[in-house]
Amino acid sequence: YPVTECIHQRFEAQVDAFPEHIAVSYQTHTLTYRELNAKANQLAHWLTEQGVEPDSRVAIALERSESLLVAILATLKAGGAYVPLDPNYPQQRLTYTLEDSQPQVVITSSELVERLGELPSHTQIAQMDNPQWLAYSSDNLSSASLGVTPHNLAYIIYTSGSTGNPKGVMVEHQQVLRLMAATQEDYQFNQRDVWTLFHSYAFDFSVWEIWGALLFGGRLVVVPHLISRTPSEFYQLLCDERVTVLNQTPSAFRQLIAAQDARSHQLRYVIFGGEALELSALAPWFAKAHNQTTQLVNMYGITETTVHTTYYPLTEQDVTRTGASPIGRGINDLSLYLLDEHRQPVPIGVTGEIYVSGAGVARGYFNRPELTDERFMLDPFVADGSTRMYKSGDLGRWLADGSIEYLGRNDDQVKI
């Protein structure tokens, strides 16, 4: 899937195609594609004036709202990589992320500035509720004249490892765009789809939620934090907003199933990620007649290989299946290997460590060259001298049908 443009350029094409479609909604607030683009452009012009350029870091510390999408888009348009600082995360983690990423600018709000503590000396502050950029142009910026290419960074998301400090995973524009292209055959996302931004924007499931909507002309419903924690209210929101694509961790979905009442939803897909899926927990969902038109899909993913790595469409028969979590096959442009401790392939049915190779493999860890070399390496099974693979630390085994079962971590890191 050759990528010739950046994320924001693909978004701008949707602005041209669907200018008056609603792009994002939050409670009673909405922004059309044209409005979202104009607001993001004004902030982006200001960001470039603050010295933001390709691969600069721009930290974003905002509560959930439509403004979050303005900030993310503006950062990309200015050439920067956004670094999410979820204000609900512990103070210590926010401080560490700021010190490590050394952002050029922090985009936040007046009430959150104090939560961030002392900022690096060169970091500028932009407050979304006190904008200094409203006199700036609302025209698109020229990526060519800014020198932004698909090989530049789109975001750095910090993931907590089993030991030590969080690691900043550097992901480029091309890695996100090829994810959307490689999965489009399976999903056929379009401008009639309604997605929820359910997850924290500091968790990379959000990358899929945001661009799955905004790169196809769809609508993104930003879920208020409290509603995301209240399954009955969230189910009501799904029905009221006529959501068609829902992304959930299996544990969150279990609670949603329990909260489901007689109201009917419009869900085309429920996509699982973030933790192992226990199949038997889906039995109550399949038992309800009005859930029959929804396709459930399990996608195993890793931040270091750009959100999703595999695709496994679930059927009612899977509920009775025993054993481990089925994660299916690698998505179209990735290769998955199950290797032993000598990095040799294991036979069918034998446990091996999952390695992921191909265009989704991230650039590496920010400021951690030794760890990057340890986990990101040239793929010895592809003789082109450039294809890289990532050592996941996850265990799996091949089934006879060419799909993979996920067997958990090979260390004691627990996904929470």
Protein backbone atom coordinates (compact mmCIF):
# COMPACT_ATOMS: atom_id res chain seq x y z
CA TYR A 1 0.00 0.00 0.00
CA PRO A 2 2.27 2.82 -1.20
CA VAL A 3 1.58 6.02 0.74
CA THR A 4 2.16 9.33 -1.05
CA GLU A 5 0.45 11.78 1.31
CA CYS A 6 0.18 12.65 4.99
CA ILE A 7 -2.73 11.96 7.35
CA HIS A 8 -3.91 15.58 7.29
CA GLN A 9 -3.80 15.67 3.48
CA ARG A 10 -6.10 12.64 3.35
CA PHE A 11 -8.35 14.47 5.83
CA GLU A 12 -8.30 17.60 3.63
CA ALA A 13 -9.54 15.47 0.72
CA GLN A 14 -12.55 14.53 2.89
CA VAL A 15 -13.10 18.24 3.62
CA ASP A 16 -13.29 18.83 -0.14
CA ALA A 17 -15.65 15.87 -0.65
CA PHE A 18 -17.94 16.35 2.39
CA PRO A 19 -17.50 19.95 3.63
CA GLU A 20 -20.89 20.13 5.39
CA HIS A 21 -20.87 16.62 6.87
CA ILE A 22 -20.49 16.61 10.64
CA ALA A 23 -16.92 15.52 11.38
CA VAL A 24 -16.99 15.51 15.16
CA SER A 25 -19.60 15.87 17.86
CA TYR A 26 -19.31 16.19 21.62
CA GLN A 27 -22.51 16.44 23.66
CA THR A 28 -24.40 19.29 21.92
CA HIS A 29 -21.34 20.68 20.09
CA THR A 30 -20.63 19.75 16.48
CA LEU A 31 -18.03 20.72 13.88
CA THR A 32 -18.44 20.10 10.17
CA TYR A 33 -15.45 18.97 8.13
CA ARG A 34 -15.07 22.55 6.85
CA GLU A 35 -15.23 24.05 10.37
CA LEU A 36 -12.85 21.52 11.89
CA ASN A 37 -10.38 22.09 9.05
CA ALA A 38 -10.54 25.89 9.36
CA LYS A 39 -10.02 25.85 13.15
CA ALA A 40 -7.12 23.40 12.85
CA ASN A 41 -5.50 25.52 10.11
CA GLN A 42 -5.53 28.67 12.25
CA LEU A 43 -3.83 26.88 15.13
CA ALA A 44 -1.41 25.15 12.73
CA HIS A 45 -0.28 28.49 11.25
CA TRP A 46 0.37 29.73 14.79
CA LEU A 47 2.27 26.53 15.70
CA THR A 48 4.65 26.93 12.76
CA GLU A 49 5.36 30.45 14.01
CA GLN A 50 6.34 28.98 17.38
CA GLY A 51 8.99 26.90 15.61
CA VAL A 52 7.06 23.66 15.09
CA GLU A 53 8.51 21.81 12.09
CA PRO A 54 8.67 18.21 10.83
CA ASP A 55 9.25 15.78 13.74
CA SER A 56 8.90 18.52 16.41
CA ARG A 57 6.94 17.30 19.39
CA VAL A 58 3.70 19.02 20.40
CA ALA A 59 2.26 17.76 23.67
CA ILE A 60 -1.54 17.82 24.00
CA ALA A 61 -3.11 17.89 27.48
CA LEU A 62 -6.86 18.31 27.08
CA GLU A 63 -10.04 16.84 28.46
CA ARG A 64 -12.25 15.09 25.92
CA SER A 65 -14.12 17.46 23.62
CA GLU A 66 -14.24 18.52 19.99
CA SER A 67 -11.23 20.80 20.69
CA LEU A 68 -9.03 17.73 21.11
CA LEU A 69 -9.48 16.94 17.41
CA VAL A 70 -8.65 20.54 16.45
CA ALA A 71 -5.39 20.25 18.43
CA ILE A 72 -4.39 16.89 16.93
CA LEU A 73 -5.11 17.99 13.36
CA ALA A 74 -3.34 21.33 13.82
CA THR A 75 -0.23 19.56 15.10
CA LEU A 76 -0.09 17.29 12.05
CA LYS A 77 -0.74 20.16 9.64
CA ALA A 78 2.15 22.11 11.19
CA GLY A 79 4.39 19.09 10.65
CA GLY A 80 4.61 18.13 14.32
CA ALA A 81 4.10 14.82 16.10
CA TYR A 82 1.52 14.94 18.86
CA VAL A 83 2.38 13.57 22.30
CA PRO A 84 -0.79 12.80 24.27
CA LEU A 85 -0.87 13.80 27.95
CA ASP A 86 -4.18 12.49 29.25
CA PRO A 87 -5.03 14.71 32.25
CA ASN A 88 -6.60 11.65 33.94
CA TYR A 89 -3.18 9.95 34.04
CA PRO A 90 -1.04 10.15 37.22
CA GLN A 91 0.94 13.38 37.69
CA GLN A 92 4.24 11.49 37.76
CA ARG A 93 3.57 10.00 34.35
CA LEU A 94 2.69 13.37 32.82
CA THR A 95 5.86 14.92 34.26
CA TYR A 96 8.02 12.10 32.92
CA THR A 97 6.46 12.30 29.43
CA LEU A 98 7.03 16.07 29.27
CA GLU A 99 10.65 15.77 30.41
CA ASP A 100 11.38 12.94 28.01
CA SER A 101 9.65 14.34 24.92
CA GLN A 102 10.81 17.97 25.35
CA PRO A 103 7.89 19.40 23.34
CA GLN A 104 8.16 22.66 21.41
CA VAL A 105 4.60 23.53 22.44
CA VAL A 106 2.04 22.19 24.92
CA ILE A 107 -1.59 22.59 23.85
CA THR A 108 -3.78 22.61 26.95
CA SER A 109 -6.46 24.64 28.72
CA SER A 110 -6.23 27.24 31.48
CA GLU A 111 -7.59 24.85 34.11
CA LEU A 112 -5.07 22.10 33.30
CA VAL A 113 -1.87 24.17 33.16
CA GLU A 114 -1.13 23.59 36.86
CA ARG A 115 -1.55 19.81 36.51
CA LEU A 116 1.40 19.81 34.13
CA GLY A 117 3.83 21.17 36.72
CA GLU A 118 7.03 22.84 35.56
CA LEU A 119 7.48 22.75 31.79
CA PRO A 120 10.80 22.37 29.93
CA SER A 121 12.38 25.84 29.58
CA HIS A 122 11.84 26.24 25.80
CA THR A 123 8.25 24.93 25.76
CA GLN A 124 5.53 27.38 24.71
CA ILE A 125 1.95 27.10 26.00
CA ALA A 126 -1.19 27.25 23.85
CA GLN A 127 -4.51 27.39 25.71
CA MET A 128 -7.51 26.22 23.70
CA ASP A 129 -9.86 28.33 25.85
CA ASN A 130 -7.68 31.41 25.38
CA PRO A 131 -6.67 31.20 21.72
CA GLN A 132 -4.01 33.56 20.38
CA TRP A 133 -4.43 32.36 16.79
CA LEU A 134 -7.92 33.52 15.73
CA ALA A 135 -6.47 36.23 13.46
CA TYR A 136 -4.43 33.63 11.57
CA SER A 137 -5.36 32.24 8.16
CA SER A 138 -7.85 29.38 7.98
CA ASP A 139 -6.35 28.15 4.68
CA ASN A 140 -4.61 24.79 4.39
CA LEU A 141 -0.85 24.85 4.91
CA SER A 142 1.40 23.53 2.16
CA SER A 143 3.00 20.32 3.39
CA ALA A 144 5.54 20.54 0.58
CA SER A 145 6.78 23.99 1.61
CA LEU A 146 6.90 22.89 5.28
CA GLY A 147 8.86 19.79 4.23
CA VAL A 148 6.37 17.36 5.79
CA THR A 149 6.35 13.90 4.18
CA PRO A 150 4.65 10.57 4.99
CA HIS A 151 7.97 9.53 6.61
CA ASN A 152 7.64 12.19 9.31
CA LEU A 153 6.23 11.39 12.74
CA ALA A 154 2.50 11.66 13.38
CA TYR A 155 2.57 10.84 17.09
CA ILE A 156 4.63 9.54 19.98
CA ILE A 157 2.50 7.47 22.34
CA TYR A 158 4.05 6.42 25.64
CA THR A 159 3.42 2.83 26.68
CA SER A 160 4.23 1.41 30.07
CA GLY A 161 6.54 -1.57 29.94
CA SER A 162 6.83 -4.29 32.55
CA THR A 163 9.79 -2.46 34.06
CA GLY A 164 11.06 1.08 34.31
CA ASN A 165 9.70 4.23 32.73
CA PRO A 166 7.17 4.41 29.89
CA LYS A 167 8.63 4.28 26.38
CA GLY A 168 7.65 6.73 23.64
CA VAL A 169 6.70 4.81 20.48
CA MET A 170 7.37 6.89 17.33
CA VAL A 171 4.79 6.32 14.58
CA GLU A 172 4.90 7.94 11.14
CA HIS A 173 2.09 9.20 8.90
CA GLN A 174 2.67 6.41 6.37
CA GLN A 175 2.23 3.73 9.05
CA VAL A 176 -1.25 5.01 9.98
CA LEU A 177 -2.37 5.50 6.36
CA ARG A 178 -1.28 2.02 5.29
CA LEU A 179 -3.19 0.58 8.29
CA MET A 180 -6.39 2.16 6.98
CA ALA A 181 -5.66 0.98 3.40
CA ALA A 182 -4.71 -2.56 4.44
CA THR A 183 -7.93 -3.08 6.44
CA GLN A 184 -10.33 -1.32 4.09
CA GLU A 185 -10.98 -4.48 2.06
CA ASP A 186 -12.26 -6.16 5.22
CA TYR A 187 -14.31 -3.23 6.55
CA GLN A 188 -15.42 -0.90 3.74
CA PHE A 189 -15.61 2.15 6.01
CA ASN A 190 -17.44 5.10 4.45
CA GLN A 191 -18.97 8.55 4.98
CA ARG A 192 -22.14 7.06 6.50
CA ASP A 193 -20.25 5.48 9.39
CA VAL A 194 -20.47 6.89 12.91
CA TRP A 195 -17.57 6.07 15.26
CA THR A 196 -17.02 6.73 18.95
CA LEU A 197 -13.85 8.13 20.44
CA PHE A 198 -14.30 5.93 23.51
CA HIS A 199 -10.68 5.42 24.50
CA SER A 200 -8.13 7.81 25.93
CA TYR A 201 -6.20 9.55 23.16
CA ALA A 202 -3.08 8.39 25.01
CA PHE A 203 -4.02 4.75 24.15
CA ASP A 204 -3.38 3.94 20.50
CA PHE A 205 -6.79 2.33 19.95
CA SER A 206 -7.85 6.00 19.69
CA VAL A 207 -5.72 6.43 16.53
CA TRP A 208 -7.92 3.87 14.77
CA GLU A 209 -11.10 5.47 16.15
CA ILE A 210 -10.16 9.00 15.05
CA TRP A 211 -8.90 8.27 11.54
CA GLY A 212 -11.36 5.46 10.81
CA ALA A 213 -13.98 8.21 11.00
CA LEU A 214 -12.15 11.29 9.68
CA LEU A 215 -10.29 9.73 6.72
CA PHE A 216 -13.50 8.31 5.23
CA GLY A 217 -15.91 11.22 5.68
CA GLY A 218 -17.56 9.64 8.73
CA ARG A 219 -18.58 11.20 12.03
CA LEU A 220 -16.67 10.87 15.27
CA VAL A 221 -18.67 11.04 18.51
CA VAL A 222 -16.42 12.04 21.40
CA VAL A 223 -17.69 10.10 24.43
CA PRO A 224 -17.68 12.11 27.69
CA HIS A 225 -15.36 10.50 30.23
CA LEU A 226 -18.13 9.74 32.72
CA ILE A 227 -20.35 8.11 30.07
CA SER A 228 -17.44 5.94 28.93
CA ARG A 229 -17.37 4.59 32.50
CA THR A 230 -21.14 4.03 32.74
CA PRO A 231 -22.18 1.12 30.46
CA SER A 232 -25.93 1.80 30.54
CA GLU A 233 -25.46 5.44 29.54
CA PHE A 234 -22.93 4.47 26.92
CA TYR A 235 -25.38 1.98 25.39
CA GLN A 236 -27.97 4.75 25.23
CA LEU A 237 -25.43 7.01 23.47
CA LEU A 238 -24.71 4.25 20.91
CA CYS A 239 -28.42 4.00 20.11
CA ASP A 240 -29.11 7.76 20.14
CA GLU A 241 -26.13 8.63 17.92
CA ARG A 242 -26.71 5.64 15.63
CA VAL A 243 -23.10 4.51 15.99
CA THR A 244 -22.02 1.98 13.33
CA VAL A 245 -18.41 1.18 14.32
CA LEU A 246 -17.57 0.48 17.95
CA ASN A 247 -14.13 -0.37 19.34
CA GLN A 248 -13.88 -2.01 22.75
CA THR A 249 -11.58 -3.89 25.02
CA PRO A 250 -13.21 -7.24 25.80
CA SER A 251 -13.65 -6.33 29.48
CA ALA A 252 -15.49 -3.08 28.60
CA PHE A 253 -17.67 -4.96 26.12
CA ARG A 254 -18.66 -7.54 28.76
CA GLN A 255 -20.10 -4.69 30.83
CA LEU A 256 -21.83 -3.23 27.79
CA ILE A 257 -23.50 -6.59 27.02
CA ALA A 258 -24.81 -6.66 30.59
CA ALA A 259 -26.21 -3.13 30.17
CA GLN A 260 -27.88 -3.75 26.81
CA ASP A 261 -31.65 -3.30 26.89
CA ALA A 262 -34.44 -3.55 24.30
CA ARG A 263 -33.45 -0.41 22.38
CA SER A 264 -31.99 -1.19 19.00
CA HIS A 265 -28.54 -0.15 17.82
CA GLN A 266 -27.13 0.34 14.30
CA LEU A 267 -23.74 -1.31 14.87
CA ARG A 268 -22.08 -2.73 11.74
CA TYR A 269 -18.91 -3.71 13.59
CA VAL A 270 -17.63 -4.23 17.10
CA ILE A 271 -13.84 -4.46 16.99
CA PHE A 272 -11.92 -5.87 19.96
CA GLY A 273 -8.38 -4.97 20.93
CA GLY A 274 -6.16 -4.18 23.90
CA GLU A 275 -6.41 -7.49 25.76
CA ALA A 276 -7.07 -11.21 25.27
CA LEU A 277 -10.63 -12.11 24.28
CA GLU A 278 -12.51 -14.74 26.28
CA LEU A 279 -14.91 -16.23 23.73
CA SER A 280 -17.48 -17.67 26.13
CA ALA A 281 -18.18 -14.13 27.43
CA LEU A 282 -19.78 -13.31 24.05
CA ALA A 283 -22.57 -15.91 24.42
CA PRO A 284 -25.16 -13.43 25.83
CA TRP A 285 -24.49 -11.06 22.89
CA PHE A 286 -25.08 -13.72 20.25
CA ALA A 287 -28.21 -14.88 22.09
CA LYS A 288 -30.03 -11.60 21.32
CA ALA A 289 -31.78 -11.48 17.94
CA HIS A 290 -31.16 -7.79 17.24
CA ASN A 291 -27.39 -8.30 17.49
CA GLN A 292 -27.32 -10.66 14.51
CA THR A 293 -26.51 -8.00 11.91
CA THR A 294 -23.36 -6.86 13.75
CA GLN A 295 -20.00 -8.39 12.82
CA LEU A 296 -17.67 -8.87 15.80
CA VAL A 297 -13.94 -8.84 14.98
CA ASN A 298 -10.94 -9.64 17.17
CA MET A 299 -7.80 -7.67 16.30
CA TYR A 300 -4.55 -8.32 18.14
CA GLY A 301 -2.44 -5.21 18.21
CA ILE A 302 0.70 -3.58 19.52
CA THR A 303 1.49 0.15 19.75
CA GLU A 304 4.88 -0.59 18.15
CA THR A 305 3.25 -2.03 15.02
CA THR A 306 0.65 0.74 14.61
CA VAL A 307 -2.52 -0.24 16.48
CA HIS A 308 -3.71 -3.43 14.76
CA THR A 309 -1.77 -6.45 13.58
CA THR A 310 -4.29 -9.24 12.94
CA TYR A 311 -7.91 -9.74 11.84
CA TYR A 312 -10.28 -12.47 13.04
CA PRO A 313 -14.02 -12.18 12.27
CA LEU A 314 -16.01 -13.96 15.00
CA THR A 315 -19.06 -16.17 14.54
CA GLU A 316 -21.53 -17.61 17.02
CA GLN A 317 -19.74 -20.97 16.71
CA ASP A 318 -16.60 -19.40 18.21
CA VAL A 319 -18.37 -19.03 21.57
CA THR A 320 -18.15 -22.75 22.22
CA ARG A 321 -14.50 -22.92 21.20
CA THR A 322 -12.18 -23.74 24.08
CA GLY A 323 -8.60 -22.72 24.63
CA ALA A 324 -6.79 -19.50 23.90
CA SER A 325 -7.88 -16.26 22.25
CA PRO A 326 -8.05 -16.59 18.43
CA ILE A 327 -6.42 -13.60 16.73
CA GLY A 328 -6.66 -14.84 13.14
CA ARG A 329 -4.29 -13.82 10.36
CA GLY A 330 -1.98 -10.86 9.91
CA ILE A 331 -3.59 -7.88 8.19
CA ASN A 332 -2.82 -7.65 4.48
CA ASP A 333 0.54 -5.89 4.49
CA LEU A 334 2.12 -7.49 7.58
CA SER A 335 3.89 -10.80 8.10
CA LEU A 336 3.67 -12.58 11.44
CA TYR A 337 6.29 -15.07 12.58
CA LEU A 338 6.26 -17.38 15.58
CA LEU A 339 9.90 -17.94 16.53
CA ASP A 340 11.80 -19.87 19.19
CA GLU A 341 14.60 -18.43 21.35
CA HIS A 342 17.04 -18.88 18.43
CA ARG A 343 14.68 -16.87 16.19
CA GLN A 344 13.81 -19.95 14.17
CA PRO A 345 10.20 -20.65 13.10
CA VAL A 346 8.27 -23.09 15.30
CA PRO A 347 6.04 -25.85 13.85
CA ILE A 348 2.23 -25.73 13.90
CA GLY A 349 0.86 -26.15 17.43
CA VAL A 350 4.12 -25.21 19.17
CA THR A 351 4.33 -22.05 21.27
CA GLY A 352 6.57 -19.32 19.89
CA GLU A 353 7.14 -15.60 20.35
CA ILE A 354 5.20 -13.34 17.97
CA TYR A 355 7.33 -11.19 15.67
CA VAL A 356 5.63 -8.70 13.35
CA SER A 357 7.22 -7.60 10.09
CA GLY A 358 6.29 -5.08 7.43
CA ALA A 359 5.04 -1.56 6.80
CA GLY A 360 3.31 -1.14 10.18
CA VAL A 361 6.50 -1.49 12.24
CA ALA A 362 7.07 1.87 13.99
CA ARG A 363 10.25 3.94 13.72
CA GLY A 364 11.34 2.91 17.21
CA TYR A 365 11.42 4.27 20.78
CA PHE A 366 12.08 7.97 21.28
CA ASN A 367 15.49 8.59 22.94
CA ARG A 368 16.00 4.85 23.57
CA PRO A 369 18.43 3.61 20.86
CA GLU A 370 19.56 0.50 22.80
CA LEU A 371 16.01 -0.64 23.49
CA THR A 372 15.04 0.13 19.88
CA ASP A 373 17.90 -2.08 18.63
CA GLU A 374 16.81 -4.85 20.99
CA ARG A 375 13.16 -4.91 19.87
CA PHE A 376 13.23 -3.59 16.27
CA MET A 377 15.45 -5.49 13.82
CA LEU A 378 15.90 -6.32 10.17
CA ASP A 379 13.65 -9.15 9.03
CA PRO A 380 15.99 -12.09 8.24
CA PHE A 381 13.25 -13.81 6.22
CA VAL A 382 13.03 -10.96 3.68
CA ALA A 383 16.21 -10.42 1.68
CA ASP A 384 15.70 -6.74 0.81
CA GLY A 385 17.89 -5.33 3.59
CA SER A 386 15.23 -2.81 4.66
CA THR A 387 12.09 -4.64 5.92
CA ARG A 388 12.02 -4.47 9.71
CA MET A 389 10.35 -6.66 12.30
CA TYR A 390 9.36 -6.13 15.91
CA LYS A 391 9.89 -8.61 18.74
CA SER A 392 6.59 -8.41 20.62
CA GLY A 393 7.17 -10.32 23.84
CA ASP A 394 3.81 -12.03 23.21
CA LEU A 395 3.36 -15.77 22.78
CA GLY A 396 1.19 -17.58 20.27
CA ARG A 397 0.87 -20.75 18.25
CA TRP A 398 -0.13 -21.56 14.69
CA LEU A 399 -3.32 -23.51 14.13
CA ALA A 400 -3.68 -25.88 11.17
CA ASP A 401 -5.83 -23.35 9.28
CA GLY A 402 -3.03 -20.75 9.20
CA SER A 403 -4.44 -18.59 11.97
CA ILE A 404 -2.86 -17.79 15.33
CA GLU A 405 -3.95 -18.32 18.92
CA TYR A 406 -2.73 -15.72 21.42
CA LEU A 407 -1.22 -17.25 24.56
CA GLY A 408 -0.25 -14.20 26.61
CA ARG A 409 3.03 -12.49 27.50
CA ASN A 410 6.43 -14.14 27.83
CA ASP A 411 7.17 -11.84 30.77
CA ASP A 412 4.95 -10.75 33.62
CA GLN A 413 3.61 -7.53 32.07
CA VAL A 414 -0.13 -7.41 32.59
CA LYS A 415 -2.25 -5.27 30.27
CA ILE A 416 -4.54 -3.20 32.49
